[in-house]
């Protein structure tokens, strides 16, 4: 039986258990003080921590402001009804619901345009999941395996961009992710020295975390995934990994264009809604 807890701060998942076993990272700031933040209205960083709308500049931190906002609980929904327009120049509502369905935990996030003009945004998930039976001295702590929209293993995931100080950098040609012949990425103390693996173009829709014996432990996915991020802090003893389906991605180095022209931007006309759903299968 799946049980979970949620905070009104950021509408962030605080605990995810099945039959009494905890799967979610507990937020120790020694490694990372968050657990499963909602990335909105940005995924990643905007170049120079500033974005632009119609020539006006607005400061914005990494991954947007939803993760640091206070939501209002309305029944089963957690609702963020806009923010100061000097922070983000659009009127919107972000409604969050969570549920358990069999072996799946399902998150559903709906953005509604409450403005009289088009609004522009990105949205994404960032759950941190505990590595099974973690011991720092083990040479390998588990494995990651990528799957496409048809549920088939992606034997050779490709990286279309590099990453520099949190921004995308252009590559001369796509680079293969360092997987073995079966498409498995070993998780070691050095796997995330690269920072984040970003799998673009909808090539990966879900990722499975396997234990040290290569047995499936859990999976995280979304049919809507445009880019999938794999990340953990590069710190000795880090016992978790973040599996992140996104509708959006961080800025390219040097991008100073309008928000509407951002790579993987989403737009809504007045009154329109956009629903993003992802799942964690235990």
C-alpha atoms as a PDB file:
ATOM      1  CA  UNK A   1       0.000   0.000   0.000  1.00  0.00           C
ATOM      2  CA  UNK A   2       1.369   3.413  -1.016  1.00  0.00           C
ATOM      3  CA  UNK A   3       1.162   6.264   1.473  1.00  0.00           C
ATOM      4  CA  UNK A   4       2.466   9.812   1.033  1.00  0.00           C
ATOM      5  CA  UNK A   5       2.675  13.185   2.770  1.00  0.00           C
ATOM      6  CA  UNK A   6       2.704  16.663   1.216  1.00  0.00           C
ATOM      7  CA  UNK A   7       3.628  20.115   2.538  1.00  0.00           C
ATOM      8  CA  UNK A   8       1.749  23.280   1.626  1.00  0.00           C
ATOM      9  CA  UNK A   9       5.190  24.892   1.178  1.00  0.00           C
ATOM     10  CA  UNK A  10       5.873  24.342  -2.499  1.00  0.00           C
ATOM     11  CA  UNK A  11       3.157  21.648  -2.542  1.00  0.00           C
ATOM     12  CA  UNK A  12       6.228  19.434  -2.161  1.00  0.00           C
ATOM     13  CA  UNK A  13       6.088  15.722  -1.522  1.00  0.00           C
ATOM     14  CA  UNK A  14       7.601  14.968   1.898  1.00  0.00           C
ATOM     15  CA  UNK A  15       7.307  11.206   2.167  1.00  0.00           C
ATOM     16  CA  UNK A  16       6.548   8.322  -0.190  1.00  0.00           C
ATOM     17  CA  UNK A  17       6.167   4.905   1.363  1.00  0.00           C
ATOM     18  CA  UNK A  18       5.030   1.488   0.259  1.00  0.00           C
ATOM     19  CA  UNK A  19       4.303  -1.116   2.921  1.00  0.00           C
ATOM     20  CA  UNK A  20       6.154   1.075   5.428  1.00  0.00           C
ATOM     21  CA  UNK A  21       9.340   1.411   3.338  1.00  0.00           C
ATOM     22  CA  UNK A  22      10.456   4.980   2.572  1.00  0.00           C
ATOM     23  CA  UNK A  23      11.501   5.713  -1.016  1.00  0.00           C
ATOM     24  CA  UNK A  24      11.845   9.521  -0.920  1.00  0.00           C
ATOM     25  CA  UNK A  25      14.980  11.409   0.150  1.00  0.00           C
ATOM     26  CA  UNK A  26      14.415  13.154   3.499  1.00  0.00           C
ATOM     27  CA  UNK A  27      15.937  16.534   2.662  1.00  0.00           C
ATOM     28  CA  UNK A  28      19.130  16.624   4.739  1.00  0.00           C
ATOM     29  CA  UNK A  29      20.838  19.893   3.629  1.00  0.00           C
ATOM     30  CA  UNK A  30      24.235  18.196   3.976  1.00  0.00           C
ATOM     31  CA  UNK A  31      23.523  16.841   0.484  1.00  0.00           C
ATOM     32  CA  UNK A  32      20.381  18.615  -0.735  1.00  0.00           C
ATOM     33  CA  UNK A  33      17.750  20.365   1.345  1.00  0.00           C
ATOM     34  CA  UNK A  34      14.825  19.599  -0.944  1.00  0.00           C
ATOM     35  CA  UNK A  35      12.887  16.390  -1.590  1.00  0.00           C
ATOM     36  CA  UNK A  36      10.681  16.700  -4.660  1.00  0.00           C
ATOM     37  CA  UNK A  37      10.270  20.331  -5.774  1.00  0.00           C
ATOM     38  CA  UNK A  38       7.902  21.508  -8.494  1.00  0.00           C
ATOM     39  CA  UNK A  39       9.830  23.310 -11.227  1.00  0.00           C
ATOM     40  CA  UNK A  40       7.682  26.248 -12.409  1.00  0.00           C
ATOM     41  CA  UNK A  41       7.575  28.569 -14.303  1.00  0.00           C
ATOM     42  CA  UNK A  42      11.135  27.657 -15.294  1.00  0.00           C
ATOM     43  CA  UNK A  43      13.032  24.410 -15.588  1.00  0.00           C
ATOM     44  CA  UNK A  44      16.696  25.024 -14.839  1.00  0.00           C
ATOM     45  CA  UNK A  45      18.216  28.483 -15.026  1.00  0.00           C
ATOM     46  CA  UNK A  46      17.540  31.583 -17.068  1.00  0.00           C
ATOM     47  CA  UNK A  47      20.780  33.082 -18.383  1.00  0.00           C
ATOM     48  CA  UNK A  48      22.205  35.600 -15.935  1.00  0.00           C
ATOM     49  CA  UNK A  49      19.265  34.882 -13.581  1.00  0.00           C
ATOM     50  CA  UNK A  50      17.139  37.299 -15.618  1.00  0.00           C
ATOM     51  CA  UNK A  51      14.354  36.676 -18.158  1.00  0.00           C
ATOM     52  CA  UNK A  52      12.722  39.175 -20.480  1.00  0.00           C
ATOM     53  CA  UNK A  53       9.159  39.839 -21.550  1.00  0.00           C
ATOM     54  CA  UNK A  54       8.502  42.553 -24.136  1.00  0.00           C
ATOM     55  CA  UNK A  55      11.802  44.262 -23.353  1.00  0.00           C
ATOM     56  CA  UNK A  56      11.393  44.311 -19.575  1.00  0.00           C
ATOM     57  CA  UNK A  57      13.728  42.299 -17.319  1.00  0.00           C
ATOM     58  CA  UNK A  58      12.627  40.133 -14.403  1.00  0.00           C
ATOM     59  CA  UNK A  59      14.943  38.355 -11.938  1.00  0.00           C
ATOM     60  CA  UNK A  60      14.412  34.605 -11.588  1.00  0.00           C
ATOM     61  CA  UNK A  61      16.264  31.948  -9.620  1.00  0.00           C
ATOM     62  CA  UNK A  62      16.953  28.390 -10.713  1.00  0.00           C
ATOM     63  CA  UNK A  63      13.845  26.261 -11.322  1.00  0.00           C
ATOM     64  CA  UNK A  64      11.435  29.145 -10.748  1.00  0.00           C
ATOM     65  CA  UNK A  65       9.464  30.152  -7.671  1.00  0.00           C
ATOM     66  CA  UNK A  66       6.779  27.484  -7.152  1.00  0.00           C
ATOM     67  CA  UNK A  67       9.097  25.384  -4.990  1.00  0.00           C
ATOM     68  CA  UNK A  68       9.435  28.303  -2.525  1.00  0.00           C
ATOM     69  CA  UNK A  69       5.790  29.446  -2.612  1.00  0.00           C
ATOM     70  CA  UNK A  70       3.051  28.737  -0.103  1.00  0.00           C
ATOM     71  CA  UNK A  71       0.139  26.828  -1.619  1.00  0.00           C
ATOM     72  CA  UNK A  72      -3.415  26.786  -0.266  1.00  0.00           C
ATOM     73  CA  UNK A  73      -4.942  23.374   0.386  1.00  0.00           C
ATOM     74  CA  UNK A  74      -8.429  23.097  -1.121  1.00  0.00           C
ATOM     75  CA  UNK A  75      -9.700  19.590  -0.480  1.00  0.00           C
ATOM     76  CA  UNK A  76      -7.337  17.297  -2.367  1.00  0.00           C
ATOM     77  CA  UNK A  77      -5.808  20.191  -4.347  1.00  0.00           C
ATOM     78  CA  UNK A  78      -2.888  22.437  -3.496  1.00  0.00           C
ATOM     79  CA  UNK A  79      -3.334  25.791  -5.248  1.00  0.00           C
ATOM     80  CA  UNK A  80      -1.010  28.673  -6.047  1.00  0.00           C
ATOM     81  CA  UNK A  81      -3.151  31.567  -7.292  1.00  0.00           C
ATOM     82  CA  UNK A  82      -0.629  33.774  -9.041  1.00  0.00           C
ATOM     83  CA  UNK A  83       2.288  35.784  -7.707  1.00  0.00           C
ATOM     84  CA  UNK A  84       3.381  39.440  -7.718  1.00  0.00           C
ATOM     85  CA  UNK A  85       3.461  40.668 -11.313  1.00  0.00           C
ATOM     86  CA  UNK A  86       6.879  42.258 -10.768  1.00  0.00           C
ATOM     87  CA  UNK A  87       8.188  38.701 -10.283  1.00  0.00           C
ATOM     88  CA  UNK A  88       6.370  37.048 -13.206  1.00  0.00           C
ATOM     89  CA  UNK A  89       4.184  39.271 -15.410  1.00  0.00           C
ATOM     90  CA  UNK A  90       1.279  36.852 -15.897  1.00  0.00           C
ATOM     91  CA  UNK A  91      -1.872  35.950 -13.993  1.00  0.00           C
ATOM     92  CA  UNK A  92      -2.151  32.200 -13.551  1.00  0.00           C
ATOM     93  CA  UNK A  93      -3.192  29.372 -11.294  1.00  0.00           C
ATOM     94  CA  UNK A  94      -1.102  26.285 -10.557  1.00  0.00           C
ATOM     95  CA  UNK A  95      -3.168  23.453  -9.073  1.00  0.00           C
ATOM     96  CA  UNK A  96      -1.479  20.311  -7.736  1.00  0.00           C
ATOM     97  CA  UNK A  97      -3.003  16.942  -6.889  1.00  0.00           C
ATOM     98  CA  UNK A  98      -1.410  13.666  -5.821  1.00  0.00           C
ATOM     99  CA  UNK A  99      -2.863  10.181  -5.592  1.00  0.00           C
ATOM    100  CA  UNK A 100      -1.898   6.532  -5.228  1.00  0.00           C
ATOM    101  CA  UNK A 101      -3.187   4.038  -7.783  1.00  0.00           C
ATOM    102  CA  UNK A 102      -2.041   0.472  -7.171  1.00  0.00           C
ATOM    103  CA  UNK A 103       1.771   0.472  -7.341  1.00  0.00           C
ATOM    104  CA  UNK A 104       1.893   3.992  -8.796  1.00  0.00           C
ATOM    105  CA  UNK A 105       2.099   7.390  -7.170  1.00  0.00           C
ATOM    106  CA  UNK A 106       0.671   9.949  -9.619  1.00  0.00           C
ATOM    107  CA  UNK A 107       1.265  13.715  -9.585  1.00  0.00           C
ATOM    108  CA  UNK A 108      -1.013  15.955 -11.662  1.00  0.00           C
ATOM    109  CA  UNK A 109      -0.202  19.656 -12.067  1.00  0.00           C
ATOM    110  CA  UNK A 110      -2.503  22.013 -13.976  1.00  0.00           C
ATOM    111  CA  UNK A 111      -1.530  25.503 -15.137  1.00  0.00           C
ATOM    112  CA  UNK A 112      -4.449  27.822 -15.985  1.00  0.00           C
ATOM    113  CA  UNK A 113      -4.038  31.122 -17.821  1.00  0.00           C
ATOM    114  CA  UNK A 114      -6.074  33.682 -15.852  1.00  0.00           C
ATOM    115  CA  UNK A 115      -4.672  36.605 -17.839  1.00  0.00           C
ATOM    116  CA  UNK A 116      -6.000  38.517 -20.845  1.00  0.00           C
ATOM    117  CA  UNK A 117      -2.851  37.693 -22.853  1.00  0.00           C
ATOM    118  CA  UNK A 118      -0.828  34.588 -23.630  1.00  0.00           C
ATOM    119  CA  UNK A 119       1.348  33.314 -20.801  1.00  0.00           C
ATOM    120  CA  UNK A 120       4.676  31.489 -21.182  1.00  0.00           C
ATOM    121  CA  UNK A 121       6.195  28.895 -18.864  1.00  0.00           C
ATOM    122  CA  UNK A 122       7.883  25.545 -18.363  1.00  0.00           C
ATOM    123  CA  UNK A 123       7.141  22.854 -15.778  1.00  0.00           C
ATOM    124  CA  UNK A 124       8.929  19.771 -14.534  1.00  0.00           C
ATOM    125  CA  UNK A 125       9.424  17.243 -11.751  1.00  0.00           C
ATOM    126  CA  UNK A 126      12.470  16.734  -9.528  1.00  0.00           C
ATOM    127  CA  UNK A 127      11.870  13.802  -7.129  1.00  0.00           C
ATOM    128  CA  UNK A 128      14.877  12.557  -5.151  1.00  0.00           C
ATOM    129  CA  UNK A 129      14.725   8.796  -4.585  1.00  0.00           C
ATOM    130  CA  UNK A 130      16.793   6.814  -2.113  1.00  0.00           C
ATOM    131  CA  UNK A 131      19.303   4.350  -3.546  1.00  0.00           C
ATOM    132  CA  UNK A 132      18.400   0.832  -2.369  1.00  0.00           C
ATOM    133  CA  UNK A 133      20.597  -0.658   0.381  1.00  0.00           C
ATOM    134  CA  UNK A 134      23.097   2.191   0.119  1.00  0.00           C
ATOM    135  CA  UNK A 135      26.602   1.755   1.516  1.00  0.00           C
ATOM    136  CA  UNK A 136      29.170   4.395   0.669  1.00  0.00           C
ATOM    137  CA  UNK A 137      31.997   1.876   0.336  1.00  0.00           C
ATOM    138  CA  UNK A 138      30.239  -0.085  -2.437  1.00  0.00           C
ATOM    139  CA  UNK A 139      31.837   0.510  -5.860  1.00  0.00           C
ATOM    140  CA  UNK A 140      28.392   0.573  -7.544  1.00  0.00           C
ATOM    141  CA  UNK A 141      25.216   1.722  -5.791  1.00  0.00           C
ATOM    142  CA  UNK A 142      22.725   0.724  -8.466  1.00  0.00           C
ATOM    143  CA  UNK A 143      21.928   1.323 -12.121  1.00  0.00           C
ATOM    144  CA  UNK A 144      19.696   3.496 -14.275  1.00  0.00           C
ATOM    145  CA  UNK A 145      17.942   2.310 -17.429  1.00  0.00           C
ATOM    146  CA  UNK A 146      16.104   4.534 -19.907  1.00  0.00           C
ATOM    147  CA  UNK A 147      12.906   3.686 -21.782  1.00  0.00           C
ATOM    148  CA  UNK A 148      11.245   5.288 -24.801  1.00  0.00           C
ATOM    149  CA  UNK A 149       7.587   6.110 -25.480  1.00  0.00           C
ATOM    150  CA  UNK A 150       6.885   2.477 -26.379  1.00  0.00           C
ATOM    151  CA  UNK A 151       8.394   1.145 -23.175  1.00  0.00           C
ATOM    152  CA  UNK A 152      11.479  -0.195 -24.947  1.00  0.00           C
ATOM    153  CA  UNK A 153      14.975   0.093 -23.510  1.00  0.00           C
ATOM    154  CA  UNK A 154      17.012   2.934 -25.002  1.00  0.00           C
ATOM    155  CA  UNK A 155      20.279   1.045 -25.440  1.00  0.00           C
ATOM    156  CA  UNK A 156      22.343   4.126 -26.260  1.00  0.00           C
ATOM    157  CA  UNK A 157      20.917   7.366 -24.836  1.00  0.00           C
ATOM    158  CA  UNK A 158      22.446  10.433 -26.462  1.00  0.00           C
ATOM    159  CA  UNK A 159      23.263  13.840 -24.994  1.00  0.00           C
ATOM    160  CA  UNK A 160      22.519  16.703 -27.373  1.00  0.00           C
ATOM    161  CA  UNK A 161      23.986  19.494 -25.229  1.00  0.00           C
ATOM    162  CA  UNK A 162      26.692  19.953 -22.685  1.00  0.00           C
ATOM    163  CA  UNK A 163      26.273  21.868 -19.437  1.00  0.00           C
ATOM    164  CA  UNK A 164      28.324  24.789 -18.177  1.00  0.00           C
ATOM    165  CA  UNK A 165      27.485  26.485 -14.879  1.00  0.00           C
ATOM    166  CA  UNK A 166      23.916  25.242 -15.235  1.00  0.00           C
ATOM    167  CA  UNK A 167      23.420  26.395 -18.844  1.00  0.00           C
ATOM    168  CA  UNK A 168      23.207  24.417 -22.066  1.00  0.00           C
ATOM    169  CA  UNK A 169      26.228  24.473 -24.346  1.00  0.00           C
ATOM    170  CA  UNK A 170      26.301  23.444 -27.988  1.00  0.00           C
ATOM    171  CA  UNK A 171      28.118  20.250 -28.950  1.00  0.00           C
ATOM    172  CA  UNK A 172      29.621  19.546 -32.354  1.00  0.00           C
ATOM    173  CA  UNK A 173      27.781  16.213 -32.340  1.00  0.00           C
ATOM    174  CA  UNK A 174      25.608  14.278 -29.862  1.00  0.00           C
ATOM    175  CA  UNK A 175      27.576  12.414 -27.180  1.00  0.00           C
ATOM    176  CA  UNK A 176      26.595   8.936 -25.937  1.00  0.00           C
ATOM    177  CA  UNK A 177      25.740   8.549 -22.273  1.00  0.00           C
ATOM    178  CA  UNK A 178      28.274   6.195 -20.609  1.00  0.00           C
ATOM    179  CA  UNK A 179      26.110   3.072 -20.421  1.00  0.00           C
ATOM    180  CA  UNK A 180      27.089  -0.587 -20.721  1.00  0.00           C
ATOM    181  CA  UNK A 181      26.075  -2.964 -23.534  1.00  0.00           C
ATOM    182  CA  UNK A 182      22.645  -3.434 -21.934  1.00  0.00           C
ATOM    183  CA  UNK A 183      21.985   0.283 -21.707  1.00  0.00           C
ATOM    184  CA  UNK A 184      22.618   0.437 -17.942  1.00  0.00           C
ATOM    185  CA  UNK A 185      24.236   3.505 -16.356  1.00  0.00           C
ATOM    186  CA  UNK A 186      26.157   2.443 -13.210  1.00  0.00           C
ATOM    187  CA  UNK A 187      25.719   4.775 -10.237  1.00  0.00           C
ATOM    188  CA  UNK A 188      29.088   5.342  -8.576  1.00  0.00           C
ATOM    189  CA  UNK A 189      30.621   8.149  -6.579  1.00  0.00           C
ATOM    190  CA  UNK A 190      31.754   9.745  -9.860  1.00  0.00           C
ATOM    191  CA  UNK A 191      28.712   9.232 -12.100  1.00  0.00           C
ATOM    192  CA  UNK A 192      27.427  12.752 -11.494  1.00  0.00           C
ATOM    193  CA  UNK A 193      30.760  14.542 -11.683  1.00  0.00           C
ATOM    194  CA  UNK A 194      29.283  15.641 -15.034  1.00  0.00           C
ATOM    195  CA  UNK A 195      26.471  17.370 -13.046  1.00  0.00           C
ATOM    196  CA  UNK A 196      23.268  16.525 -14.956  1.00  0.00           C
ATOM    197  CA  UNK A 197      22.582  14.117 -17.805  1.00  0.00           C
ATOM    198  CA  UNK A 198      19.901  15.732 -20.001  1.00  0.00           C
ATOM    199  CA  UNK A 199      18.128  13.481 -22.491  1.00  0.00           C
ATOM    200  CA  UNK A 200      16.245  15.617 -24.992  1.00  0.00           C
ATOM    201  CA  UNK A 201      13.786  15.415 -27.892  1.00  0.00           C
ATOM    202  CA  UNK A 202      11.404  13.100 -26.023  1.00  0.00           C
ATOM    203  CA  UNK A 203      13.874  10.264 -26.588  1.00  0.00           C
ATOM    204  CA  UNK A 204      13.404   9.049 -22.999  1.00  0.00           C
ATOM    205  CA  UNK A 205      10.000   8.984 -21.326  1.00  0.00           C
ATOM    206  CA  UNK A 206      10.800   6.989 -18.185  1.00  0.00           C
ATOM    207  CA  UNK A 207      13.794   5.785 -16.196  1.00  0.00           C
ATOM    208  CA  UNK A 208      14.095   2.747 -13.928  1.00  0.00           C
ATOM    209  CA  UNK A 209      16.368   2.628 -10.898  1.00  0.00           C
ATOM    210  CA  UNK A 210      17.781  -0.863 -10.382  1.00  0.00           C
ATOM    211  CA  UNK A 211      19.562  -2.188  -7.311  1.00  0.00           C
ATOM    212  CA  UNK A 212      23.153  -3.443  -7.150  1.00  0.00           C
ATOM    213  CA  UNK A 213      22.001  -6.844  -8.428  1.00  0.00           C
ATOM    214  CA  UNK A 214      20.350  -5.192 -11.442  1.00  0.00           C
ATOM    215  CA  UNK A 215      16.841  -5.842 -10.137  1.00  0.00           C
ATOM    216  CA  UNK A 216      14.232  -3.098 -10.798  1.00  0.00           C
ATOM    217  CA  UNK A 217      13.529  -1.006  -7.707  1.00  0.00           C
ATOM    218  CA  UNK A 218      11.353   1.881  -8.958  1.00  0.00           C
ATOM    219  CA  UNK A 219      10.565   3.854 -12.113  1.00  0.00           C
ATOM    220  CA  UNK A 220       9.739   7.505 -12.800  1.00  0.00           C
ATOM    221  CA  UNK A 221       8.147   8.699 -16.011  1.00  0.00           C
ATOM    222  CA  UNK A 222       5.739  10.853 -17.954  1.00  0.00           C
ATOM    223  CA  UNK A 223       4.289  10.453 -21.437  1.00  0.00           C
ATOM    224  CA  UNK A 224       4.764  14.212 -21.836  1.00  0.00           C
ATOM    225  CA  UNK A 225       8.523  14.224 -21.192  1.00  0.00           C
ATOM    226  CA  UNK A 226      10.356  16.572 -23.573  1.00  0.00           C
ATOM    227  CA  UNK A 227      13.655  16.354 -21.718  1.00  0.00           C
ATOM    228  CA  UNK A 228      14.654  13.995 -18.919  1.00  0.00           C
ATOM    229  CA  UNK A 229      17.211  14.974 -16.279  1.00  0.00           C
ATOM    230  CA  UNK A 230      19.344  12.595 -14.215  1.00  0.00           C
ATOM    231  CA  UNK A 231      21.137  14.253 -11.301  1.00  0.00           C
ATOM    232  CA  UNK A 232      22.619  13.814  -7.849  1.00  0.00           C
ATOM    233  CA  UNK A 233      24.953  16.067  -5.882  1.00  0.00           C
ATOM    234  CA  UNK A 234      28.571  15.140  -6.544  1.00  0.00           C
ATOM    235  CA  UNK A 235      29.341  14.665  -2.843  1.00  0.00           C
ATOM    236  CA  UNK A 236      30.861  11.643  -1.095  1.00  0.00           C
ATOM    237  CA  UNK A 237      28.168   9.521   0.522  1.00  0.00           C
ATOM    238  CA  UNK A 238      25.198  10.940  -1.364  1.00  0.00           C
ATOM    239  CA  UNK A 239      22.521   8.205  -0.986  1.00  0.00           C
ATOM    240  CA  UNK A 240      19.922   9.329  -3.538  1.00  0.00           C
ATOM    241  CA  UNK A 241      19.376  10.112  -7.205  1.00  0.00           C
ATOM    242  CA  UNK A 242      16.929  12.512  -8.854  1.00  0.00           C
ATOM    243  CA  UNK A 243      14.875  11.213 -11.803  1.00  0.00           C
ATOM    244  CA  UNK A 244      13.325  14.231 -13.520  1.00  0.00           C
ATOM    245  CA  UNK A 245      10.787  14.291 -16.375  1.00  0.00           C
ATOM    246  CA  UNK A 246      10.478  17.824 -17.729  1.00  0.00           C
ATOM    247  CA  UNK A 247       8.401  19.950 -20.074  1.00  0.00           C
ATOM    248  CA  UNK A 248      11.206  22.457 -20.447  1.00  0.00           C
ATOM    249  CA  UNK A 249      14.954  22.753 -19.966  1.00  0.00           C
ATOM    250  CA  UNK A 250      17.601  25.230 -18.783  1.00  0.00           C
ATOM    251  CA  UNK A 251      18.649  28.179 -20.975  1.00  0.00           C
ATOM    252  CA  UNK A 252      21.364  28.064 -23.573  1.00  0.00           C
ATOM    253  CA  UNK A 253      24.533  29.929 -22.600  1.00  0.00           C
ATOM    254  CA  UNK A 254      24.157  33.556 -23.652  1.00  0.00           C
ATOM    255  CA  UNK A 255      20.392  33.485 -24.343  1.00  0.00           C
ATOM    256  CA  UNK A 256      18.978  36.980 -23.834  1.00  0.00           C
ATOM    257  CA  UNK A 257      15.849  36.729 -25.971  1.00  0.00           C
ATOM    258  CA  UNK A 258      12.224  37.048 -24.950  1.00  0.00           C
ATOM    259  CA  UNK A 259      10.723  34.375 -22.694  1.00  0.00           C
ATOM    260  CA  UNK A 260       8.393  33.283 -25.495  1.00  0.00           C
ATOM    261  CA  UNK A 261      11.421  32.331 -27.593  1.00  0.00           C
ATOM    262  CA  UNK A 262      13.018  30.152 -24.921  1.00  0.00           C
ATOM    263  CA  UNK A 263      13.874  26.570 -25.920  1.00  0.00           C
ATOM    264  CA  UNK A 264      10.968  24.248 -24.960  1.00  0.00           C
ATOM    265  CA  UNK A 265       8.695  27.143 -24.042  1.00  0.00           C
ATOM    266  CA  UNK A 266       4.993  26.463 -23.434  1.00  0.00           C
ATOM    267  CA  UNK A 267       2.278  29.010 -24.149  1.00  0.00           C
ATOM    268  CA  UNK A 268      -1.372  29.235 -23.108  1.00  0.00           C
ATOM    269  CA  UNK A 269      -4.023  31.542 -24.500  1.00  0.00           C
ATOM    270  CA  UNK A 270      -6.393  33.278 -22.060  1.00  0.00           C
ATOM    271  CA  UNK A 271      -8.542  30.693 -20.280  1.00  0.00           C
ATOM    272  CA  UNK A 272      -6.537  27.710 -21.536  1.00  0.00           C
ATOM    273  CA  UNK A 273      -5.146  24.983 -19.282  1.00  0.00           C
ATOM    274  CA  UNK A 274      -2.059  22.774 -19.474  1.00  0.00           C
ATOM    275  CA  UNK A 275      -1.879  19.595 -17.405  1.00  0.00           C
ATOM    276  CA  UNK A 276       1.399  17.821 -16.706  1.00  0.00           C
ATOM    277  CA  UNK A 277       1.300  14.371 -15.127  1.00  0.00           C
ATOM    278  CA  UNK A 278       4.108  12.121 -13.985  1.00  0.00           C
ATOM    279  CA  UNK A 279       4.269   8.902 -12.014  1.00  0.00           C
ATOM    280  CA  UNK A 280       6.532   6.968  -9.668  1.00  0.00           C
ATOM    281  CA  UNK A 281       6.023   3.214  -9.824  1.00  0.00           C
ATOM    282  CA  UNK A 282       7.166   1.304  -6.736  1.00  0.00           C
END
